PDB file of N, CA and C in Angstrom:
ATOM      1  N   MET A   1     -46.198  13.939 -33.817  1.00  0.00           N
ATOM      2  CA  MET A   1     -46.109  12.545 -33.466  1.00  0.00           C
ATOM      3  C   MET A   1     -44.673  12.026 -33.583  1.00  0.00           C
ATOM      4  N   THR A   2     -43.934  12.548 -34.557  1.00  0.00           N
ATOM      5  CA  THR A   2     -42.551  12.103 -34.703  1.00  0.00           C
ATOM      6  C   THR A   2     -41.696  12.543 -33.520  1.00  0.00           C
ATOM      7  N   GLU A   3     -42.027  13.682 -32.899  1.00  0.00           N
ATOM      8  CA  GLU A   3     -41.301  14.113 -31.699  1.00  0.00           C
ATOM      9  C   GLU A   3     -41.515  13.123 -30.566  1.00  0.00           C
ATOM     10  N   VAL A   4     -42.729  12.664 -30.406  1.00  0.00           N
ATOM     11  CA  VAL A   4     -43.044  11.693 -29.356  1.00  0.00           C
ATOM     12  C   VAL A   4     -42.291  10.396 -29.613  1.00  0.00           C
ATOM     13  N   ARG A   5     -42.290   9.946 -30.836  1.00  0.00           N
ATOM     14  CA  ARG A   5     -41.586   8.711 -31.184  1.00  0.00           C
ATOM     15  C   ARG A   5     -40.083   8.870 -30.949  1.00  0.00           C
ATOM     16  N   ALA A   6     -39.523  10.003 -31.333  1.00  0.00           N
ATOM     17  CA  ALA A   6     -38.094  10.241 -31.133  1.00  0.00           C
ATOM     18  C   ALA A   6     -37.753  10.244 -29.651  1.00  0.00           C
ATOM     19  N   ARG A   7     -38.575  10.903 -28.847  1.00  0.00           N
ATOM     20  CA  ARG A   7     -38.329  10.936 -27.395  1.00  0.00           C
ATOM     21  C   ARG A   7     -38.471   9.549 -26.787  1.00  0.00           C
ATOM     22  N   ALA A   8     -39.453   8.792 -27.260  1.00  0.00           N
ATOM     23  CA  ALA A   8     -39.638   7.421 -26.773  1.00  0.00           C
ATOM     24  C   ALA A   8     -38.421   6.566 -27.101  1.00  0.00           C
ATOM     25  N   ASN A   9     -37.864   6.738 -28.287  1.00  0.00           N
ATOM     26  CA  ASN A   9     -36.663   5.991 -28.664  1.00  0.00           C
ATOM     27  C   ASN A   9     -35.485   6.345 -27.765  1.00  0.00           C
ATOM     28  N   VAL A  10     -35.331   7.617 -27.457  1.00  0.00           N
ATOM     29  CA  VAL A  10     -34.255   8.051 -26.560  1.00  0.00           C
ATOM     30  C   VAL A  10     -34.435   7.417 -25.185  1.00  0.00           C
ATOM     31  N   LEU A  11     -35.644   7.438 -24.667  1.00  0.00           N
ATOM     32  CA  LEU A  11     -35.912   6.844 -23.355  1.00  0.00           C
ATOM     33  C   LEU A  11     -35.638   5.348 -23.351  1.00  0.00           C
ATOM     34  N   LEU A  12     -36.009   4.662 -24.410  1.00  0.00           N
ATOM     35  CA  LEU A  12     -35.746   3.225 -24.501  1.00  0.00           C
ATOM     36  C   LEU A  12     -34.253   2.935 -24.553  1.00  0.00           C
ATOM     37  N   GLU A  13     -33.511   3.742 -25.299  1.00  0.00           N
ATOM     38  CA  GLU A  13     -32.061   3.561 -25.360  1.00  0.00           C
ATOM     39  C   GLU A  13     -31.429   3.777 -23.992  1.00  0.00           C
ATOM     40  N   GLU A  14     -31.864   4.807 -23.283  1.00  0.00           N
ATOM     41  CA  GLU A  14     -31.326   5.089 -21.956  1.00  0.00           C
ATOM     42  C   GLU A  14     -31.660   3.964 -20.987  1.00  0.00           C
ATOM     43  N   ALA A  15     -32.858   3.421 -21.072  1.00  0.00           N
ATOM     44  CA  ALA A  15     -33.277   2.344 -20.176  1.00  0.00           C
ATOM     45  C   ALA A  15     -32.490   1.069 -20.439  1.00  0.00           C
ATOM     46  N   ALA A  16     -32.028   0.875 -21.652  1.00  0.00           N
ATOM     47  CA  ALA A  16     -31.299  -0.336 -22.006  1.00  0.00           C
ATOM     48  C   ALA A  16     -29.856  -0.311 -21.505  1.00  0.00           C
ATOM     49  N   ARG A  17     -29.338   0.868 -21.194  1.00  0.00           N
ATOM     50  CA  ARG A  17     -27.963   0.988 -20.705  1.00  0.00           C
ATOM     51  C   ARG A  17     -27.907   0.612 -19.228  1.00  0.00           C
ATOM     52  N   PRO A  18     -26.850  -0.096 -18.837  1.00  0.00           N
ATOM     53  CA  PRO A  18     -26.724  -0.400 -17.407  1.00  0.00           C
ATOM     54  C   PRO A  18     -26.391   0.869 -16.621  1.00  0.00           C
ATOM     55  N   SER A  19     -26.866   0.927 -15.403  1.00  0.00           N
ATOM     56  CA  SER A  19     -26.545   2.064 -14.540  1.00  0.00           C
ATOM     57  C   SER A  19     -25.107   1.923 -14.043  1.00  0.00           C
ATOM     58  N   LEU A  20     -24.546   3.004 -13.565  1.00  0.00           N
ATOM     59  CA  LEU A  20     -23.188   2.941 -13.021  1.00  0.00           C
ATOM     60  C   LEU A  20     -23.137   2.051 -11.790  1.00  0.00           C
ATOM     61  N   GLU A  21     -24.235   1.977 -11.047  1.00  0.00           N
ATOM     62  CA  GLU A  21     -24.286   1.091  -9.887  1.00  0.00           C
ATOM     63  C   GLU A  21     -24.212  -0.367 -10.339  1.00  0.00           C
ATOM     64  N   GLU A  22     -24.896  -0.686 -11.434  1.00  0.00           N
ATOM     65  CA  GLU A  22     -24.830  -2.047 -11.975  1.00  0.00           C
ATOM     66  C   GLU A  22     -23.431  -2.351 -12.500  1.00  0.00           C
ATOM     67  N   ILE A  23     -22.810  -1.373 -13.120  1.00  0.00           N
ATOM     68  CA  ILE A  23     -21.444  -1.554 -13.609  1.00  0.00           C
ATOM     69  C   ILE A  23     -20.498  -1.785 -12.438  1.00  0.00           C
ATOM     70  N   ALA A  24     -20.642  -1.008 -11.368  1.00  0.00           N
ATOM     71  CA  ALA A  24     -19.790  -1.180 -10.185  1.00  0.00           C
ATOM     72  C   ALA A  24     -19.978  -2.572  -9.593  1.00  0.00           C
ATOM     73  N   ALA A  25     -21.212  -3.044  -9.520  1.00  0.00           N
ATOM     74  CA  ALA A  25     -21.483  -4.383  -8.982  1.00  0.00           C
ATOM     75  C   ALA A  25     -20.816  -5.451  -9.850  1.00  0.00           C
ATOM     76  N   THR A  26     -20.879  -5.282 -11.154  1.00  0.00           N
ATOM     77  CA  THR A  26     -20.246  -6.238 -12.064  1.00  0.00           C
ATOM     78  C   THR A  26     -18.734  -6.213 -11.899  1.00  0.00           C
ATOM     79  N   LEU A  27     -18.159  -5.036 -11.768  1.00  0.00           N
ATOM     80  CA  LEU A  27     -16.712  -4.931 -11.558  1.00  0.00           C
ATOM     81  C   LEU A  27     -16.301  -5.629 -10.268  1.00  0.00           C
ATOM     82  N   ARG A  28     -17.099  -5.474  -9.216  1.00  0.00           N
ATOM     83  CA  ARG A  28     -16.795  -6.157  -7.951  1.00  0.00           C
ATOM     84  C   ARG A  28     -16.894  -7.674  -8.126  1.00  0.00           C
ATOM     85  N   GLN A  29     -17.888  -8.139  -8.866  1.00  0.00           N
ATOM     86  CA  GLN A  29     -18.024  -9.578  -9.124  1.00  0.00           C
ATOM     87  C   GLN A  29     -16.829 -10.119  -9.902  1.00  0.00           C
ATOM     88  N   LEU A  30     -16.224  -9.283 -10.717  1.00  0.00           N
ATOM     89  CA  LEU A  30     -15.057  -9.683 -11.500  1.00  0.00           C
ATOM     90  C   LEU A  30     -13.756  -9.557 -10.715  1.00  0.00           C
ATOM     91  N   GLY A  31     -13.859  -9.197  -9.444  1.00  0.00           N
ATOM     92  CA  GLY A  31     -12.688  -9.169  -8.585  1.00  0.00           C
ATOM     93  C   GLY A  31     -12.117  -7.803  -8.278  1.00  0.00           C
ATOM     94  N   MET A  32     -12.709  -6.756  -8.795  1.00  0.00           N
ATOM     95  CA  MET A  32     -12.219  -5.416  -8.487  1.00  0.00           C
ATOM     96  C   MET A  32     -12.681  -5.023  -7.094  1.00  0.00           C
ATOM     97  N   GLY A  33     -11.835  -4.325  -6.381  1.00  0.00           N
ATOM     98  CA  GLY A  33     -12.202  -3.849  -5.058  1.00  0.00           C
ATOM     99  C   GLY A  33     -13.332  -2.832  -5.117  1.00  0.00           C
ATOM    100  N   GLY A  34     -14.069  -2.737  -4.042  1.00  0.00           N
ATOM    101  CA  GLY A  34     -15.203  -1.819  -3.984  1.00  0.00           C
ATOM    102  C   GLY A  34     -14.813  -0.366  -4.165  1.00  0.00           C
ATOM    103  N   TYR A  35     -13.709   0.043  -3.550  1.00  0.00           N
ATOM    104  CA  TYR A  35     -13.264   1.428  -3.698  1.00  0.00           C
ATOM    105  C   TYR A  35     -12.833   1.705  -5.138  1.00  0.00           C
ATOM    106  N   ALA A  36     -12.141   0.752  -5.748  1.00  0.00           N
ATOM    107  CA  ALA A  36     -11.705   0.937  -7.133  1.00  0.00           C
ATOM    108  C   ALA A  36     -12.912   1.022  -8.064  1.00  0.00           C
ATOM    109  N   ALA A  37     -13.907   0.180  -7.834  1.00  0.00           N
ATOM    110  CA  ALA A  37     -15.119   0.210  -8.663  1.00  0.00           C
ATOM    111  C   ALA A  37     -15.841   1.542  -8.507  1.00  0.00           C
ATOM    112  N   ALA A  38     -15.931   2.029  -7.277  1.00  0.00           N
ATOM    113  CA  ALA A  38     -16.590   3.318  -7.033  1.00  0.00           C
ATOM    114  C   ALA A  38     -15.812   4.456  -7.684  1.00  0.00           C
ATOM    115  N   ALA A  39     -14.492   4.416  -7.576  1.00  0.00           N
ATOM    116  CA  ALA A  39     -13.662   5.458  -8.196  1.00  0.00           C
ATOM    117  C   ALA A  39     -13.814   5.429  -9.714  1.00  0.00           C
ATOM    118  N   PHE A  40     -13.841   4.232 -10.299  1.00  0.00           N
ATOM    119  CA  PHE A  40     -14.004   4.108 -11.747  1.00  0.00           C
ATOM    120  C   PHE A  40     -15.326   4.721 -12.199  1.00  0.00           C
ATOM    121  N   CYS A  41     -16.397   4.392 -11.496  1.00  0.00           N
ATOM    122  CA  CYS A  41     -17.713   4.927 -11.870  1.00  0.00           C
ATOM    123  C   CYS A  41     -17.758   6.446 -11.720  1.00  0.00           C
ATOM    124  N   ALA A  42     -17.116   6.966 -10.691  1.00  0.00           N
ATOM    125  CA  ALA A  42     -17.069   8.422 -10.521  1.00  0.00           C
ATOM    126  C   ALA A  42     -16.285   9.067 -11.657  1.00  0.00           C
ATOM    127  N   LEU A  43     -15.190   8.436 -12.052  1.00  0.00           N
ATOM    128  CA  LEU A  43     -14.392   8.981 -13.155  1.00  0.00           C
ATOM    129  C   LEU A  43     -15.155   8.949 -14.473  1.00  0.00           C
ATOM    130  N   VAL A  44     -15.980   7.935 -14.659  1.00  0.00           N
ATOM    131  CA  VAL A  44     -16.806   7.879 -15.873  1.00  0.00           C
ATOM    132  C   VAL A  44     -17.729   9.090 -15.920  1.00  0.00           C
ATOM    133  N   ARG A  45     -18.285   9.442 -14.773  1.00  0.00           N
ATOM    134  CA  ARG A  45     -19.183  10.602 -14.712  1.00  0.00           C
ATOM    135  C   ARG A  45     -18.426  11.917 -14.869  1.00  0.00           C
ATOM    136  N   MET A  46     -17.250  12.005 -14.245  1.00  0.00           N
ATOM    137  CA  MET A  46     -16.524  13.269 -14.167  1.00  0.00           C
ATOM    138  C   MET A  46     -15.530  13.459 -15.312  1.00  0.00           C
ATOM    139  N   THR A  47     -15.076  12.412 -15.915  1.00  0.00           N
ATOM    140  CA  THR A  47     -14.073  12.361 -16.984  1.00  0.00           C
ATOM    141  C   THR A  47     -12.677  12.805 -16.549  1.00  0.00           C
ATOM    142  N   GLN A  48     -12.589  13.708 -15.619  1.00  0.00           N
ATOM    143  CA  GLN A  48     -11.292  14.154 -15.112  1.00  0.00           C
ATOM    144  C   GLN A  48     -11.492  14.604 -13.678  1.00  0.00           C
ATOM    145  N   ALA A  49     -10.591  14.170 -12.786  1.00  0.00           N
ATOM    146  CA  ALA A  49     -10.725  14.546 -11.376  1.00  0.00           C
ATOM    147  C   ALA A  49      -9.406  14.337 -10.661  1.00  0.00           C
ATOM    148  N   THR A  50      -9.222  15.089  -9.598  1.00  0.00           N
ATOM    149  CA  THR A  50      -8.086  14.865  -8.711  1.00  0.00           C
ATOM    150  C   THR A  50      -8.490  13.804  -7.696  1.00  0.00           C
ATOM    151  N   ALA A  51      -7.508  13.306  -6.962  1.00  0.00           N
ATOM    152  CA  ALA A  51      -7.815  12.345  -5.905  1.00  0.00           C
ATOM    153  C   ALA A  51      -8.762  12.974  -4.888  1.00  0.00           C
ATOM    154  N   GLY A  52      -8.540  14.234  -4.575  1.00  0.00           N
ATOM    155  CA  GLY A  52      -9.422  14.937  -3.637  1.00  0.00           C
ATOM    156  C   GLY A  52     -10.846  15.039  -4.146  1.00  0.00           C
ATOM    157  N   ASP A  53     -10.998  15.292  -5.447  1.00  0.00           N
ATOM    158  CA  ASP A  53     -12.335  15.331  -6.047  1.00  0.00           C
ATOM    159  C   ASP A  53     -13.039  13.991  -5.869  1.00  0.00           C
ATOM    160  N   LEU A  54     -12.293  12.903  -6.078  1.00  0.00           N
ATOM    161  CA  LEU A  54     -12.880  11.566  -5.950  1.00  0.00           C
ATOM    162  C   LEU A  54     -13.274  11.255  -4.516  1.00  0.00           C
ATOM    163  N   VAL A  55     -12.461  11.702  -3.567  1.00  0.00           N
ATOM    164  CA  VAL A  55     -12.798  11.508  -2.153  1.00  0.00           C
ATOM    165  C   VAL A  55     -14.135  12.171  -1.845  1.00  0.00           C
ATOM    166  N   VAL A  56     -14.299  13.401  -2.303  1.00  0.00           N
ATOM    167  CA  VAL A  56     -15.542  14.144  -2.054  1.00  0.00           C
ATOM    168  C   VAL A  56     -16.717  13.474  -2.756  1.00  0.00           C
ATOM    169  N   LYS A  57     -16.536  13.106  -4.013  1.00  0.00           N
ATOM    170  CA  LYS A  57     -17.631  12.548  -4.819  1.00  0.00           C
ATOM    171  C   LYS A  57     -18.061  11.161  -4.337  1.00  0.00           C
ATOM    172  N   THR A  58     -17.098  10.325  -3.928  1.00  0.00           N
ATOM    173  CA  THR A  58     -17.394   8.924  -3.623  1.00  0.00           C
ATOM    174  C   THR A  58     -17.490   8.601  -2.144  1.00  0.00           C
ATOM    175  N   GLY A  59     -16.863   9.418  -1.320  1.00  0.00           N
ATOM    176  CA  GLY A  59     -16.809   9.084   0.099  1.00  0.00           C
ATOM    177  C   GLY A  59     -15.710   8.084   0.431  1.00  0.00           C
ATOM    178  N   ILE A  60     -14.882   7.759  -0.554  1.00  0.00           N
ATOM    179  CA  ILE A  60     -13.742   6.874  -0.289  1.00  0.00           C
ATOM    180  C   ILE A  60     -12.811   7.604   0.672  1.00  0.00           C
ATOM    181  N   PRO A  61     -12.357   6.935   1.738  1.00  0.00           N
ATOM    182  CA  PRO A  61     -11.457   7.606   2.685  1.00  0.00           C
ATOM    183  C   PRO A  61     -10.166   8.078   2.014  1.00  0.00           C
ATOM    184  N   ASP A  62      -9.661   9.201   2.501  1.00  0.00           N
ATOM    185  CA  ASP A  62      -8.389   9.738   1.986  1.00  0.00           C
ATOM    186  C   ASP A  62      -7.303   8.667   1.981  1.00  0.00           C
ATOM    187  N   SER A  63      -7.286   7.861   3.032  1.00  0.00           N
ATOM    188  CA  SER A  63      -6.232   6.860   3.182  1.00  0.00           C
ATOM    189  C   SER A  63      -6.350   5.713   2.186  1.00  0.00           C
ATOM    190  N   LYS A  64      -7.462   5.611   1.483  1.00  0.00           N
ATOM    191  CA  LYS A  64      -7.686   4.493   0.551  1.00  0.00           C
ATOM    192  C   LYS A  64      -7.739   4.903  -0.917  1.00  0.00           C
ATOM    193  N   ILE A  65      -7.872   6.188  -1.193  1.00  0.00           N
ATOM    194  CA  ILE A  65      -8.099   6.609  -2.578  1.00  0.00           C
ATOM    195  C   ILE A  65      -6.934   6.245  -3.491  1.00  0.00           C
ATOM    196  N   TYR A  66      -5.700   6.375  -3.011  1.00  0.00           N
ATOM    197  CA  TYR A  66      -4.566   6.063  -3.873  1.00  0.00           C
ATOM    198  C   TYR A  66      -4.446   4.565  -4.132  1.00  0.00           C
ATOM    199  N   TYR A  67      -4.868   3.727  -3.167  1.00  0.00           N
ATOM    200  CA  TYR A  67      -4.904   2.281  -3.413  1.00  0.00           C
ATOM    201  C   TYR A  67      -5.913   1.966  -4.513  1.00  0.00           C
ATOM    202  N   ALA A  68      -7.060   2.637  -4.465  1.00  0.00           N
ATOM    203  CA  ALA A  68      -8.090   2.430  -5.488  1.00  0.00           C
ATOM    204  C   ALA A  68      -7.573   2.871  -6.856  1.00  0.00           C
ATOM    205  N   LEU A  69      -6.921   4.023  -6.905  1.00  0.00           N
ATOM    206  CA  LEU A  69      -6.386   4.523  -8.174  1.00  0.00           C
ATOM    207  C   LEU A  69      -5.262   3.630  -8.695  1.00  0.00           C
ATOM    208  N   ASP A  70      -4.429   3.115  -7.786  1.00  0.00           N
ATOM    209  CA  ASP A  70      -3.377   2.179  -8.199  1.00  0.00           C
ATOM    210  C   ASP A  70      -3.983   0.923  -8.817  1.00  0.00           C
ATOM    211  N   GLU A  71      -5.063   0.423  -8.218  1.00  0.00           N
ATOM    212  CA  GLU A  71      -5.723  -0.761  -8.762  1.00  0.00           C
ATOM    213  C   GLU A  71      -6.249  -0.491 -10.171  1.00  0.00           C
ATOM    214  N   LEU A  72      -6.856   0.669 -10.364  1.00  0.00           N
ATOM    215  CA  LEU A  72      -7.354   1.026 -11.698  1.00  0.00           C
ATOM    216  C   LEU A  72      -6.204   1.154 -12.699  1.00  0.00           C
ATOM    217  N   ALA A  73      -5.102   1.741 -12.259  1.00  0.00           N
ATOM    218  CA  ALA A  73      -3.943   1.895 -13.141  1.00  0.00           C
ATOM    219  C   ALA A  73      -3.348   0.531 -13.502  1.00  0.00           C
ATOM    220  N   GLU A  74      -3.264  -0.371 -12.525  1.00  0.00           N
ATOM    221  CA  GLU A  74      -2.730  -1.713 -12.784  1.00  0.00           C
ATOM    222  C   GLU A  74      -3.573  -2.459 -13.812  1.00  0.00           C
ATOM    223  N   LYS A  75      -4.864  -2.196 -13.813  1.00  0.00           N
ATOM    224  CA  LYS A  75      -5.774  -2.857 -14.751  1.00  0.00           C
ATOM    225  C   LYS A  75      -5.873  -2.105 -16.080  1.00  0.00           C
ATOM    226  N   GLY A  76      -5.129  -1.000 -16.196  1.00  0.00           N
ATOM    227  CA  GLY A  76      -5.111  -0.235 -17.434  1.00  0.00           C
ATOM    228  C   GLY A  76      -6.365   0.586 -17.684  1.00  0.00           C
ATOM    229  N   LEU A  77      -7.104   0.875 -16.622  1.00  0.00           N
ATOM    230  CA  LEU A  77      -8.354   1.618 -16.771  1.00  0.00           C
ATOM    231  C   LEU A  77      -8.170   3.123 -16.654  1.00  0.00           C
ATOM    232  N   ILE A  78      -7.049   3.550 -16.131  1.00  0.00           N
ATOM    233  CA  ILE A  78      -6.738   4.985 -16.070  1.00  0.00           C
ATOM    234  C   ILE A  78      -5.282   5.180 -16.446  1.00  0.00           C
TER     235      ILE A  78
END
């Protein structure tokens, strides 16, 4: 029974955390660009990535990825 309770607690904790999509939406509401928000969320998942990795993971166009990364750097997020 304690295993069930422990698993239930883990599930409740996970459910209480906002999803990365919700975090991205909040970042956009706070004025962050959509590409920057998407790049930030991808970096949270990946912890380390090249610009090319982010392009593949997020679908951000090659021509926009460095603008997104510059925005994150200006805000001190990377």
